[in-house]
Amino acid sequence: IQAESPLLEIRNIADEIRERHNVYSNEQYELEEKAADKVLAGLLGIAVGDPVFHSLIVHKENGCPLQLAERYVNAMIVPEYITQDFSVITPSQYLSELFPLSEVEHIVEAIVPNQLEQKLLGVSAEVPCLLVNRRTWSDHRLISYARLIHPGNLYRLSSRSTV
């Protein structure tokens, strides 16, 4: 059975895993400040050279990697992001508690994971992955850009709406 998340809303992955009566854990690989390059500046609506916080975390379900979350956060809006203990609170939970969402953009695509992504997710190059590119806004301010990568054999996205 594949884990499933709603496509049209943002849920805390730790809560999703616990709701399935499974054990959530994570491993943090990076939490750093960097200067925005041209691509990041465009994605976050900031100037080249502005400070950006970068985190790289693998979220696990029952010890099995389920999501590789690479997140870039506007450091001028969220200056305390870099001091958080993300083993206690997930980045999504932390950000949504401080900055209630007003807008979300999701772009989903199938990818072949690169070598680092394969290593962190514990998959081979033959395992297709789902990449969710997500940008989030609060009160019309662009807060973060995230690349959320899921092994395609373990994860699926769903959506239901009324027309």
N, C-alpha and C. Protein backbone atom coordinates (compact mmCIF):
# COMPACT_ATOMS: atom_id res chain seq x y z
N ILE A 1 0.86 -1.19 0.00
CA ILE A 1 0.00 0.00 0.00
C ILE A 1 0.89 1.24 0.00
N GLN A 2 0.58 2.17 -0.89
CA GLN A 2 1.35 3.40 -0.98
C GLN A 2 0.82 4.43 0.01
N ALA A 3 1.73 5.21 0.57
CA ALA A 3 1.33 6.37 1.37
C ALA A 3 0.70 7.37 0.41
N GLU A 4 -0.26 8.13 0.91
CA GLU A 4 -0.97 9.06 0.03
C GLU A 4 -1.13 10.40 0.73
N SER A 5 -0.94 11.46 -0.04
CA SER A 5 -1.12 12.82 0.47
C SER A 5 -2.04 13.60 -0.45
N PRO A 6 -2.78 14.54 0.09
CA PRO A 6 -3.63 15.37 -0.75
C PRO A 6 -2.77 16.34 -1.56
N LEU A 7 -3.11 16.50 -2.82
CA LEU A 7 -2.34 17.38 -3.69
C LEU A 7 -2.70 18.84 -3.48
N LEU A 8 -3.95 19.13 -3.17
CA LEU A 8 -4.41 20.51 -3.15
C LEU A 8 -4.33 21.18 -1.78
N GLU A 9 -3.75 20.51 -0.81
CA GLU A 9 -3.57 21.15 0.49
C GLU A 9 -2.19 20.79 1.02
N ILE A 10 -1.78 21.48 2.05
CA ILE A 10 -0.49 21.19 2.66
C ILE A 10 -0.75 20.55 4.01
N ARG A 11 -0.22 19.36 4.17
CA ARG A 11 -0.34 18.64 5.44
C ARG A 11 1.07 18.42 5.99
N ASN A 12 1.18 18.36 7.27
CA ASN A 12 2.44 18.05 7.93
C ASN A 12 2.70 16.56 7.75
N ILE A 13 3.82 16.21 7.14
CA ILE A 13 4.11 14.81 6.85
C ILE A 13 4.17 13.96 8.13
N ALA A 14 4.63 14.55 9.23
CA ALA A 14 4.68 13.81 10.49
C ALA A 14 3.27 13.42 10.93
N ASP A 15 2.31 14.35 10.79
CA ASP A 15 0.92 14.06 11.16
C ASP A 15 0.34 12.98 10.25
N GLU A 16 0.61 13.07 8.94
CA GLU A 16 0.10 12.07 8.01
C GLU A 16 0.57 10.68 8.39
N ILE A 17 1.85 10.56 8.70
CA ILE A 17 2.42 9.26 9.06
C ILE A 17 1.81 8.73 10.35
N ARG A 18 1.68 9.60 11.34
CA ARG A 18 1.09 9.18 12.62
C ARG A 18 -0.38 8.81 12.47
N GLU A 19 -1.11 9.49 11.57
CA GLU A 19 -2.51 9.16 11.33
C GLU A 19 -2.66 7.77 10.72
N ARG A 20 -1.61 7.28 10.07
CA ARG A 20 -1.63 5.92 9.53
C ARG A 20 -1.15 4.92 10.59
N HIS A 21 -0.99 5.39 11.83
CA HIS A 21 -0.53 4.57 12.96
C HIS A 21 0.87 4.03 12.74
N ASN A 22 1.70 4.85 12.12
CA ASN A 22 3.09 4.49 11.89
C ASN A 22 4.00 5.47 12.62
N VAL A 23 5.28 5.17 12.63
CA VAL A 23 6.26 5.96 13.39
C VAL A 23 6.96 6.94 12.45
N TYR A 24 6.92 8.21 12.82
CA TYR A 24 7.60 9.26 12.07
C TYR A 24 8.99 9.50 12.66
N SER A 25 9.96 9.70 11.78
CA SER A 25 11.29 10.16 12.18
C SER A 25 11.89 10.92 11.01
N ASN A 26 13.01 11.60 11.26
CA ASN A 26 13.68 12.29 10.15
C ASN A 26 15.18 12.36 10.41
N GLU A 27 15.90 12.63 9.35
CA GLU A 27 17.33 12.89 9.44
C GLU A 27 17.60 14.21 8.72
N GLN A 28 18.26 15.10 9.43
CA GLN A 28 18.61 16.40 8.84
C GLN A 28 20.03 16.32 8.30
N TYR A 29 20.19 16.69 7.04
CA TYR A 29 21.50 16.64 6.40
C TYR A 29 22.11 18.02 6.23
N GLU A 30 21.29 19.04 6.07
CA GLU A 30 21.81 20.39 5.91
C GLU A 30 20.86 21.39 6.55
N LEU A 31 21.41 22.41 7.14
CA LEU A 31 20.67 23.58 7.61
C LEU A 31 21.69 24.71 7.58
N GLU A 32 21.59 25.54 6.55
CA GLU A 32 22.63 26.53 6.31
C GLU A 32 22.05 27.81 5.72
N GLU A 33 22.84 28.86 5.79
CA GLU A 33 22.49 30.12 5.13
C GLU A 33 23.35 30.23 3.89
N LYS A 34 22.74 30.72 2.81
CA LYS A 34 23.49 30.96 1.58
C LYS A 34 22.94 32.19 0.90
N ALA A 35 23.69 32.70 -0.05
CA ALA A 35 23.23 33.84 -0.84
C ALA A 35 22.43 33.32 -2.03
N ALA A 36 21.32 33.97 -2.31
CA ALA A 36 20.46 33.54 -3.41
C ALA A 36 21.17 33.75 -4.75
N ASP A 37 21.20 32.68 -5.55
CA ASP A 37 21.68 32.82 -6.92
C ASP A 37 20.51 33.29 -7.78
N LYS A 38 20.72 33.41 -9.06
CA LYS A 38 19.69 33.94 -9.96
C LYS A 38 18.42 33.08 -9.94
N VAL A 39 18.59 31.76 -9.94
CA VAL A 39 17.42 30.85 -9.94
C VAL A 39 16.63 30.98 -8.65
N LEU A 40 17.32 30.89 -7.50
CA LEU A 40 16.63 31.00 -6.22
C LEU A 40 15.98 32.36 -6.03
N ALA A 41 16.68 33.40 -6.45
CA ALA A 41 16.11 34.75 -6.35
C ALA A 41 14.79 34.83 -7.12
N GLY A 42 14.77 34.25 -8.31
CA GLY A 42 13.54 34.24 -9.10
C GLY A 42 12.43 33.44 -8.45
N LEU A 43 12.78 32.27 -7.89
CA LEU A 43 11.78 31.42 -7.24
C LEU A 43 11.21 32.04 -5.98
N LEU A 44 12.03 32.81 -5.25
CA LEU A 44 11.59 33.40 -3.99
C LEU A 44 11.21 34.88 -4.10
N GLY A 45 11.36 35.45 -5.29
CA GLY A 45 10.99 36.84 -5.48
C GLY A 45 11.87 37.80 -4.70
N ILE A 46 13.16 37.49 -4.61
CA ILE A 46 14.11 38.33 -3.88
C ILE A 46 15.25 38.71 -4.83
N ALA A 47 16.18 39.49 -4.34
CA ALA A 47 17.32 39.92 -5.16
C ALA A 47 18.44 38.89 -5.10
N VAL A 48 19.21 38.80 -6.17
CA VAL A 48 20.40 37.97 -6.18
C VAL A 48 21.31 38.44 -5.04
N GLY A 49 21.82 37.49 -4.26
CA GLY A 49 22.69 37.82 -3.13
C GLY A 49 21.97 37.94 -1.80
N ASP A 50 20.63 38.06 -1.82
CA ASP A 50 19.88 38.12 -0.56
C ASP A 50 20.07 36.81 0.21
N PRO A 51 19.99 36.85 1.55
CA PRO A 51 20.17 35.63 2.33
C PRO A 51 18.97 34.68 2.22
N VAL A 52 19.30 33.40 2.10
CA VAL A 52 18.31 32.33 2.01
C VAL A 52 18.74 31.22 2.96
N PHE A 53 17.79 30.63 3.67
CA PHE A 53 18.09 29.46 4.48
C PHE A 53 17.76 28.21 3.67
N HIS A 54 18.63 27.23 3.75
CA HIS A 54 18.48 25.98 3.01
C HIS A 54 18.48 24.82 3.99
N SER A 55 17.47 23.96 3.88
CA SER A 55 17.45 22.75 4.70
C SER A 55 17.25 21.54 3.80
N LEU A 56 17.85 20.43 4.20
CA LEU A 56 17.73 19.16 3.49
C LEU A 56 17.45 18.09 4.53
N ILE A 57 16.24 17.55 4.49
CA ILE A 57 15.77 16.62 5.51
C ILE A 57 15.10 15.42 4.83
N VAL A 58 15.40 14.22 5.34
CA VAL A 58 14.71 13.02 4.89
C VAL A 58 13.68 12.66 5.94
N HIS A 59 12.41 12.62 5.53
CA HIS A 59 11.32 12.22 6.42
C HIS A 59 11.09 10.73 6.22
N LYS A 60 10.92 10.01 7.34
CA LYS A 60 10.82 8.55 7.30
C LYS A 60 9.53 8.06 7.94
N GLU A 61 9.04 6.97 7.38
CA GLU A 61 7.89 6.27 7.95
C GLU A 61 8.35 4.88 8.35
N ASN A 62 8.26 4.58 9.63
CA ASN A 62 8.75 3.31 10.16
C ASN A 62 10.19 3.05 9.75
N GLY A 63 11.00 4.11 9.76
CA GLY A 63 12.41 3.99 9.44
C GLY A 63 12.74 3.97 7.96
N CYS A 64 11.73 3.99 7.09
CA CYS A 64 11.92 3.93 5.64
C CYS A 64 11.78 5.34 5.05
N PRO A 65 12.77 5.81 4.27
CA PRO A 65 12.67 7.13 3.67
C PRO A 65 11.42 7.27 2.79
N LEU A 66 10.62 8.30 3.08
CA LEU A 66 9.39 8.53 2.33
C LEU A 66 9.43 9.85 1.56
N GLN A 67 10.20 10.81 2.06
CA GLN A 67 10.26 12.12 1.40
C GLN A 67 11.62 12.77 1.66
N LEU A 68 12.22 13.26 0.59
CA LEU A 68 13.41 14.10 0.70
C LEU A 68 12.92 15.53 0.50
N ALA A 69 13.06 16.34 1.54
CA ALA A 69 12.56 17.71 1.50
C ALA A 69 13.73 18.68 1.46
N GLU A 70 13.90 19.33 0.31
CA GLU A 70 14.90 20.37 0.17
C GLU A 70 14.15 21.69 0.12
N ARG A 71 14.40 22.54 1.11
CA ARG A 71 13.60 23.77 1.26
C ARG A 71 14.50 24.99 1.30
N TYR A 72 14.03 26.04 0.65
CA TYR A 72 14.70 27.35 0.66
C TYR A 72 13.71 28.34 1.25
N VAL A 73 14.16 29.08 2.26
CA VAL A 73 13.28 29.99 2.99
C VAL A 73 13.85 31.40 2.93
N ASN A 74 12.98 32.38 2.71
CA ASN A 74 13.37 33.78 2.69
C ASN A 74 13.83 34.17 4.09
N ALA A 75 15.13 34.36 4.26
CA ALA A 75 15.72 34.63 5.57
C ALA A 75 15.30 35.98 6.13
N MET A 76 14.93 36.92 5.27
CA MET A 76 14.52 38.24 5.76
C MET A 76 13.13 38.18 6.39
N ILE A 77 12.30 37.23 5.97
CA ILE A 77 10.96 37.09 6.54
C ILE A 77 10.96 36.12 7.72
N VAL A 78 11.79 35.08 7.65
CA VAL A 78 11.80 34.03 8.69
C VAL A 78 13.21 33.90 9.27
N PRO A 79 13.68 34.92 10.02
CA PRO A 79 15.07 34.91 10.48
C PRO A 79 15.41 33.80 11.48
N GLU A 80 14.43 33.25 12.16
CA GLU A 80 14.69 32.22 13.17
C GLU A 80 14.68 30.80 12.59
N TYR A 81 14.41 30.66 11.29
CA TYR A 81 14.33 29.32 10.68
C TYR A 81 15.59 28.52 10.94
N ILE A 82 16.71 29.12 10.81
CA ILE A 82 18.00 28.41 10.90
C ILE A 82 18.32 27.93 12.31
N THR A 83 17.62 28.45 13.31
CA THR A 83 17.90 28.05 14.70
C THR A 83 16.95 26.95 15.20
N GLN A 84 16.06 26.47 14.35
CA GLN A 84 15.07 25.49 14.79
C GLN A 84 15.66 24.08 14.88
N ASP A 85 15.07 23.29 15.76
CA ASP A 85 15.42 21.88 15.89
C ASP A 85 14.36 21.09 15.13
N PHE A 86 14.68 20.72 13.90
CA PHE A 86 13.69 20.06 13.05
C PHE A 86 13.51 18.58 13.35
N SER A 87 14.16 18.10 14.42
CA SER A 87 13.84 16.76 14.89
C SER A 87 12.62 16.82 15.81
N VAL A 88 12.28 18.02 16.27
CA VAL A 88 11.15 18.23 17.17
C VAL A 88 9.91 18.72 16.42
N ILE A 89 10.11 19.58 15.45
CA ILE A 89 9.02 20.15 14.65
C ILE A 89 9.47 20.14 13.19
N THR A 90 8.56 19.77 12.29
CA THR A 90 8.94 19.76 10.88
C THR A 90 8.97 21.19 10.35
N PRO A 91 9.75 21.44 9.30
CA PRO A 91 9.74 22.78 8.71
C PRO A 91 8.34 23.25 8.31
N SER A 92 7.55 22.37 7.72
CA SER A 92 6.19 22.75 7.32
C SER A 92 5.36 23.20 8.51
N GLN A 93 5.43 22.44 9.60
CA GLN A 93 4.67 22.80 10.79
C GLN A 93 5.15 24.13 11.35
N TYR A 94 6.46 24.29 11.45
CA TYR A 94 7.03 25.53 11.98
C TYR A 94 6.57 26.73 11.14
N LEU A 95 6.71 26.63 9.83
CA LEU A 95 6.35 27.76 8.96
C LEU A 95 4.85 28.04 8.99
N SER A 96 4.03 26.99 8.96
CA SER A 96 2.58 27.23 8.92
C SER A 96 2.05 27.81 10.23
N GLU A 97 2.71 27.49 11.35
CA GLU A 97 2.28 28.08 12.62
C GLU A 97 2.61 29.57 12.69
N LEU A 98 3.75 29.96 12.13
CA LEU A 98 4.15 31.37 12.14
C LEU A 98 3.48 32.18 11.04
N PHE A 99 3.30 31.54 9.90
CA PHE A 99 2.81 32.23 8.70
C PHE A 99 1.67 31.44 8.08
N PRO A 100 0.43 31.68 8.50
CA PRO A 100 -0.70 30.96 7.92
C PRO A 100 -0.71 31.15 6.39
N LEU A 101 -0.96 30.06 5.69
CA LEU A 101 -0.91 30.09 4.24
C LEU A 101 -2.02 30.92 3.63
N SER A 102 -1.64 31.70 2.63
CA SER A 102 -2.65 32.44 1.86
C SER A 102 -2.66 31.95 0.41
N GLU A 103 -1.56 31.33 -0.03
CA GLU A 103 -1.47 30.85 -1.41
C GLU A 103 -0.42 29.74 -1.48
N VAL A 104 -0.69 28.75 -2.32
CA VAL A 104 0.23 27.64 -2.52
C VAL A 104 0.30 27.34 -4.01
N GLU A 105 1.49 27.04 -4.48
CA GLU A 105 1.70 26.61 -5.87
C GLU A 105 2.37 25.24 -5.83
N HIS A 106 1.77 24.27 -6.53
CA HIS A 106 2.34 22.94 -6.66
C HIS A 106 2.59 22.65 -8.13
N ILE A 107 3.77 22.16 -8.44
CA ILE A 107 4.07 21.64 -9.77
C ILE A 107 4.62 20.24 -9.54
N VAL A 108 3.96 19.24 -10.13
CA VAL A 108 4.34 17.85 -9.91
C VAL A 108 4.90 17.27 -11.20
N GLU A 109 6.02 16.54 -11.06
CA GLU A 109 6.60 15.88 -12.23
C GLU A 109 7.26 14.59 -11.80
N ALA A 110 7.42 13.69 -12.76
CA ALA A 110 8.15 12.45 -12.54
C ALA A 110 9.62 12.71 -12.85
N ILE A 111 10.50 12.19 -12.00
CA ILE A 111 11.93 12.39 -12.21
C ILE A 111 12.69 11.08 -11.97
N VAL A 112 13.89 11.04 -12.51
CA VAL A 112 14.86 10.02 -12.14
C VAL A 112 15.76 10.70 -11.10
N PRO A 113 15.84 10.15 -9.90
CA PRO A 113 16.63 10.82 -8.86
C PRO A 113 18.12 10.84 -9.20
N ASN A 114 18.79 11.95 -8.82
CA ASN A 114 20.24 12.01 -9.02
C ASN A 114 20.93 11.14 -7.96
N GLN A 115 22.23 11.05 -8.01
CA GLN A 115 22.95 10.15 -7.11
C GLN A 115 22.75 10.47 -5.64
N LEU A 116 22.79 11.75 -5.29
CA LEU A 116 22.57 12.14 -3.89
C LEU A 116 21.15 11.78 -3.45
N GLU A 117 20.17 12.09 -4.30
CA GLU A 117 18.78 11.78 -3.97
C GLU A 117 18.58 10.28 -3.82
N GLN A 118 19.20 9.49 -4.70
CA GLN A 118 19.12 8.03 -4.59
C GLN A 118 19.67 7.56 -3.24
N LYS A 119 20.82 8.09 -2.87
CA LYS A 119 21.47 7.70 -1.62
C LYS A 119 20.59 8.05 -0.42
N LEU A 120 20.09 9.28 -0.37
CA LEU A 120 19.30 9.73 0.78
C LEU A 120 17.95 9.02 0.88
N LEU A 121 17.36 8.66 -0.28
CA LEU A 121 16.08 7.97 -0.28
C LEU A 121 16.23 6.45 -0.26
N GLY A 122 17.46 5.97 -0.43
CA GLY A 122 17.69 4.52 -0.42
C GLY A 122 17.07 3.82 -1.61
N VAL A 123 17.13 4.47 -2.78
CA VAL A 123 16.56 3.88 -4.00
C VAL A 123 17.62 3.82 -5.10
N SER A 124 17.34 3.03 -6.10
CA SER A 124 18.24 2.96 -7.26
C SER A 124 17.73 3.92 -8.33
N ALA A 125 18.54 4.12 -9.35
CA ALA A 125 18.17 5.02 -10.45
C ALA A 125 16.95 4.51 -11.21
N GLU A 126 16.65 3.21 -11.09
CA GLU A 126 15.51 2.64 -11.81
C GLU A 126 14.17 2.96 -11.14
N VAL A 127 14.21 3.48 -9.92
CA VAL A 127 12.97 3.79 -9.20
C VAL A 127 12.55 5.22 -9.55
N PRO A 128 11.45 5.37 -10.30
CA PRO A 128 11.00 6.72 -10.61
C PRO A 128 10.50 7.40 -9.33
N CYS A 129 10.67 8.70 -9.29
CA CYS A 129 10.24 9.47 -8.12
C CYS A 129 9.27 10.56 -8.54
N LEU A 130 8.45 10.96 -7.59
CA LEU A 130 7.56 12.11 -7.77
C LEU A 130 8.25 13.32 -7.16
N LEU A 131 8.33 14.38 -7.92
CA LEU A 131 8.87 15.63 -7.43
C LEU A 131 7.73 16.64 -7.35
N VAL A 132 7.52 17.17 -6.16
CA VAL A 132 6.55 18.24 -5.96
C VAL A 132 7.35 19.51 -5.70
N ASN A 133 7.26 20.45 -6.63
CA ASN A 133 7.85 21.77 -6.44
C ASN A 133 6.76 22.62 -5.80
N ARG A 134 7.04 23.16 -4.62
CA ARG A 134 6.02 23.90 -3.89
C ARG A 134 6.54 25.27 -3.48
N ARG A 135 5.75 26.29 -3.79
CA ARG A 135 6.02 27.63 -3.26
C ARG A 135 4.84 28.01 -2.39
N THR A 136 5.14 28.67 -1.26
CA THR A 136 4.07 29.06 -0.33
C THR A 136 4.16 30.54 0.00
N TRP A 137 2.98 31.14 0.12
CA TRP A 137 2.84 32.55 0.45
C TRP A 137 2.01 32.69 1.73
N SER A 138 2.30 33.74 2.49
CA SER A 138 1.49 34.11 3.64
C SER A 138 1.29 35.61 3.56
N ASP A 139 0.04 36.02 3.56
CA ASP A 139 -0.28 37.45 3.50
C ASP A 139 0.44 38.11 2.31
N HIS A 140 0.41 37.44 1.18
CA HIS A 140 0.99 37.92 -0.09
C HIS A 140 2.52 38.01 -0.07
N ARG A 141 3.17 37.41 0.94
CA ARG A 141 4.63 37.37 0.99
C ARG A 141 5.09 35.96 0.65
N LEU A 142 5.99 35.83 -0.27
CA LEU A 142 6.53 34.53 -0.67
C LEU A 142 7.49 34.07 0.42
N ILE A 143 7.15 32.97 1.08
CA ILE A 143 7.89 32.49 2.25
C ILE A 143 8.94 31.45 1.89
N SER A 144 8.53 30.44 1.09
CA SER A 144 9.47 29.35 0.84
C SER A 144 9.24 28.67 -0.51
N TYR A 145 10.29 28.00 -0.94
CA TYR A 145 10.26 27.13 -2.12
C TYR A 145 10.81 25.79 -1.67
N ALA A 146 10.09 24.72 -1.97
CA ALA A 146 10.55 23.39 -1.56
C ALA A 146 10.50 22.43 -2.74
N ARG A 147 11.48 21.53 -2.75
CA ARG A 147 11.51 20.39 -3.66
C ARG A 147 11.27 19.16 -2.80
N LEU A 148 10.12 18.53 -2.97
CA LEU A 148 9.74 17.37 -2.17
C LEU A 148 9.78 16.15 -3.07
N ILE A 149 10.70 15.23 -2.80
CA ILE A 149 10.90 14.07 -3.66
C ILE A 149 10.47 12.81 -2.92
N HIS A 150 9.62 12.02 -3.58
CA HIS A 150 9.07 10.79 -3.00
C HIS A 150 9.37 9.61 -3.92
N PRO A 151 9.81 8.47 -3.38
CA PRO A 151 9.92 7.28 -4.23
C PRO A 151 8.54 6.94 -4.78
N GLY A 152 8.45 6.82 -6.10
CA GLY A 152 7.15 6.58 -6.75
C GLY A 152 6.50 5.27 -6.37
N ASN A 153 7.29 4.30 -5.95
CA ASN A 153 6.71 3.01 -5.57
C ASN A 153 6.12 3.02 -4.16
N LEU A 154 6.38 4.08 -3.39
CA LEU A 154 5.89 4.15 -2.01
C LEU A 154 4.88 5.27 -1.77
N TYR A 155 4.64 6.10 -2.77
CA TYR A 155 3.93 7.34 -2.50
C TYR A 155 3.06 7.74 -3.68
N ARG A 156 1.92 8.33 -3.38
CA ARG A 156 1.07 8.87 -4.44
C ARG A 156 0.35 10.11 -3.92
N LEU A 157 -0.08 10.94 -4.85
CA LEU A 157 -0.81 12.15 -4.54
C LEU A 157 -2.26 11.98 -4.98
N SER A 158 -3.17 12.62 -4.28
CA SER A 158 -4.58 12.50 -4.64
C SER A 158 -5.26 13.86 -4.58
N SER A 159 -6.36 13.97 -5.27
CA SER A 159 -7.13 15.21 -5.27
C SER A 159 -8.59 14.87 -5.52
N ARG A 160 -9.47 15.58 -4.87
CA ARG A 160 -10.90 15.42 -5.10
C ARG A 160 -11.52 16.80 -4.96
N SER A 161 -12.36 17.15 -5.91
CA SER A 161 -13.01 18.46 -5.83
C SER A 161 -14.43 18.35 -6.37
N THR A 162 -15.21 19.32 -6.00
CA THR A 162 -16.59 19.40 -6.47
C THR A 162 -16.67 20.45 -7.56
N VAL A 163 -17.38 20.11 -8.63
CA VAL A 163 -17.51 21.05 -9.75
C VAL A 163 -18.90 21.58 -9.84
